Protein backbone atom coordinates (compact mmCIF):
# COMPACT_ATOMS: atom_id res chain seq x y z
CA MET A 1 0.00 0.00 0.00
CA PRO A 2 1.43 3.43 -0.94
CA LEU A 3 2.42 5.73 1.90
CA ARG A 4 0.82 8.76 0.24
CA THR A 5 -1.33 9.86 -2.64
CA SER A 6 0.33 9.98 -6.06
CA TRP A 7 0.11 13.35 -7.79
CA SER A 8 1.81 12.17 -10.98
CA GLN A 9 -1.40 12.54 -13.00
CA ASP A 10 -2.52 15.84 -11.47
CA ASN A 11 -3.22 18.77 -13.79
CA CYS A 12 -1.20 21.09 -11.53
CA PRO A 13 2.53 21.13 -12.39
CA ILE A 14 3.41 21.95 -8.77
CA ALA A 15 1.67 18.75 -7.66
CA ARG A 16 3.49 16.70 -10.32
CA ALA A 17 6.86 18.15 -9.27
CA ALA A 18 6.00 17.50 -5.61
CA ASP A 19 5.32 13.89 -6.56
CA ILE A 20 8.98 13.58 -7.56
CA PHE A 21 10.80 16.05 -5.30
CA GLY A 22 8.32 16.31 -2.44
CA ASP A 23 10.27 14.44 0.17
CA PRO A 24 13.47 15.69 1.78
CA TRP A 25 15.48 12.55 1.03
CA SER A 26 14.94 12.94 -2.70
CA LEU A 27 16.17 16.54 -2.65
CA LEU A 28 19.19 15.61 -0.56
CA VAL A 29 20.04 12.70 -2.86
CA LEU A 30 19.84 15.12 -5.77
CA ARG A 31 22.15 17.56 -3.97
CA GLU A 32 24.69 14.80 -3.39
CA VAL A 33 24.70 13.72 -7.05
CA PHE A 34 25.10 17.35 -8.17
CA MET A 35 28.13 17.53 -5.86
CA GLY A 36 29.69 14.45 -7.45
CA ASN A 37 28.69 11.88 -4.84
CA LYS A 38 27.42 9.21 -7.24
CA ARG A 39 27.71 5.92 -5.38
CA PHE A 40 25.25 4.36 -2.96
CA GLU A 41 27.73 4.06 -0.08
CA GLY A 42 28.94 7.64 -0.49
CA ILE A 43 25.41 9.03 -0.56
CA LYS A 44 24.42 6.84 2.39
CA LYS A 45 27.38 8.08 4.44
CA ALA A 46 26.81 11.75 3.60
CA LEU A 47 23.11 11.60 4.46
CA ALA A 48 23.22 9.05 7.30
CA VAL A 49 20.20 7.40 5.68
CA ALA A 50 18.99 3.81 5.99
CA ASP A 51 19.62 1.49 3.04
CA ASN A 52 15.93 0.89 2.36
CA ILE A 53 15.10 4.61 2.32
CA LEU A 54 18.01 5.44 0.01
CA SER A 55 17.22 2.53 -2.31
CA GLU A 56 13.61 3.66 -2.59
CA ARG A 57 14.50 7.31 -3.27
CA LEU A 58 17.06 6.35 -5.90
CA ARG A 59 14.48 4.07 -7.56
CA ARG A 60 11.88 6.87 -7.58
CA LEU A 61 14.34 9.38 -9.06
CA ILE A 62 15.34 6.86 -11.74
CA ASP A 63 11.69 6.05 -12.52
CA ALA A 64 10.98 9.79 -12.83
CA GLY A 65 13.84 10.20 -15.33
CA VAL A 66 15.87 12.45 -13.01
CA LEU A 67 18.73 9.99 -12.48
CA VAL A 68 20.10 7.06 -14.43
CA ALA A 69 21.97 4.12 -12.86
CA ARG A 70 25.14 2.94 -14.57
CA PRO A 71 27.01 -0.18 -13.44
CA TYR A 72 30.59 0.38 -12.35
CA SER A 73 31.35 -3.01 -10.89
CA ALA A 74 30.55 -6.51 -11.97
CA GLY A 75 30.92 -9.36 -9.60
CA ALA A 76 28.99 -11.08 -6.90
CA ARG A 77 27.13 -7.87 -6.15
CA PRO A 78 26.75 -5.44 -9.04
CA ARG A 79 27.08 -1.79 -8.09
CA ASN A 80 25.83 1.36 -9.76
CA GLU A 81 26.77 4.97 -10.04
CA TYR A 82 23.92 7.44 -10.26
CA HIS A 83 24.12 10.17 -12.87
CA LEU A 84 21.88 13.13 -13.56
CA THR A 85 19.82 13.16 -16.72
CA ALA A 86 18.90 16.35 -18.58
CA ALA A 87 15.73 16.43 -16.45
CA GLY A 88 17.89 16.15 -13.35
CA THR A 89 20.15 19.04 -14.31
CA ASP A 90 17.06 21.11 -15.10
CA ALA A 91 16.28 20.91 -11.36
CA LEU A 92 19.33 23.05 -10.50
CA PRO A 93 17.38 26.36 -10.42
CA VAL A 94 14.87 24.70 -8.08
CA LEU A 95 17.66 23.80 -5.64
CA HIS A 96 19.11 27.31 -5.99
CA ALA A 97 15.70 28.83 -5.22
CA MET A 98 15.46 26.65 -2.12
CA VAL A 99 18.95 27.75 -1.04
CA GLY A 100 17.98 31.41 -1.42
CA TRP A 101 14.71 30.98 0.43
CA ALA A 102 16.30 29.04 3.30
CA GLN A 103 19.16 31.50 3.66
CA ARG A 104 16.71 34.42 3.82
CA HIS A 105 14.15 32.81 6.12
CA THR A 106 15.93 30.24 8.30
CA GLU A 107 19.02 30.41 10.45
CA SER A 108 22.04 28.19 9.91
CA PRO A 109 23.07 26.66 13.26
CA SER A 110 26.75 27.00 12.28
CA GLY A 111 26.35 30.38 10.62
CA LYS A 112 27.76 28.88 7.41
CA ILE A 113 25.90 29.19 4.13
CA LEU A 114 25.92 27.46 0.76
CA ARG A 115 27.50 29.91 -1.64
CA ILE A 116 26.39 29.77 -5.29
CA ILE A 117 29.23 31.16 -7.40
CA CYS A 118 29.37 32.02 -11.08
CA ALA A 119 32.30 30.09 -12.53
CA ASN A 120 32.49 32.62 -15.37
CA CYS A 121 33.29 35.71 -13.29
CA GLY A 122 33.71 34.44 -9.72
CA SER A 123 30.84 36.51 -8.30
CA GLU A 124 28.54 35.11 -5.69
CA ALA A 125 25.07 34.74 -7.12
CA ASP A 126 22.04 35.84 -5.15
CA SER A 127 19.63 34.24 -7.58
CA GLY A 128 19.26 30.69 -8.77
CA THR A 129 19.08 31.41 -12.46
CA GLY A 130 21.62 34.01 -13.53
CA CYS A 131 24.69 35.92 -12.44
CA ARG A 132 23.86 39.56 -11.83
CA SER A 133 27.49 40.59 -12.37
CA CYS A 134 28.13 39.14 -15.82
CA GLY A 135 24.72 37.88 -16.94
CA THR A 136 25.78 34.25 -17.32
CA GLU A 137 22.99 31.70 -16.96
CA LEU A 138 23.74 29.53 -13.94
CA THR A 139 23.94 25.94 -15.17
CA VAL A 140 25.95 22.93 -14.04
CA GLU A 141 28.71 24.10 -16.38
CA THR A 142 28.80 27.70 -15.12
CA THR A 143 28.15 27.24 -11.41
CA VAL A 144 30.28 26.14 -8.49
CA TRP A 145 29.17 25.74 -4.90
CA GLU A 146 30.92 26.32 -1.64
CA HIS A 147 29.01 23.99 0.66
CA PRO A 148 28.95 24.52 4.45
CA ARG A 149 30.28 20.96 4.83
CA THR A 150 33.47 21.90 2.91
CA PRO A 151 34.14 25.61 3.53
CA GLY A 152 36.85 27.12 1.35
CA ARG A 153 36.54 24.40 -1.29
CA LEU A 154 34.68 25.12 -4.50
CA ILE A 155 32.69 22.19 -5.85
CA GLU A 156 32.20 21.85 -9.59
CA LEU A 157 28.72 20.57 -10.26
CA ASN A 158 28.02 17.42 -12.22
CA GLY A 159 25.77 17.42 -15.22
CA PRO A 160 24.28 14.63 -17.28
CA GLY A 161 26.59 11.69 -17.33
């Protein structure tokens, strides 16, 4: 029995998007893959999530066409890496909007923030879609993050793989 109602067939696009991204684990998995954390064990460690929860979220993101699983190991237990699809990379402005909202309306316990930086000019972006300094559209190719977990280190984002 499903844990919640499916909104995948709803006329409202917000409901359909919530059907895919409407649980925190899915958004956090997406963040990890954008940051280059593509393997089950790495994602599990970063999120401190149970195997069954992570497996289910990965399956749902694959079924929705946001991620694709690619084998990287053959053997007794095949293993996959998870890569963003074009639909997955199109979610970047959504994550950026959430970053902006949270940094304006919630307080970071550590005082650290996630910095969205234009790789083209080096300016910190205050919007999820474009750099106000040079006008560059913020995509996986033109954006780097400085995550509170790794201050001082710029993270190149991963695109479709």
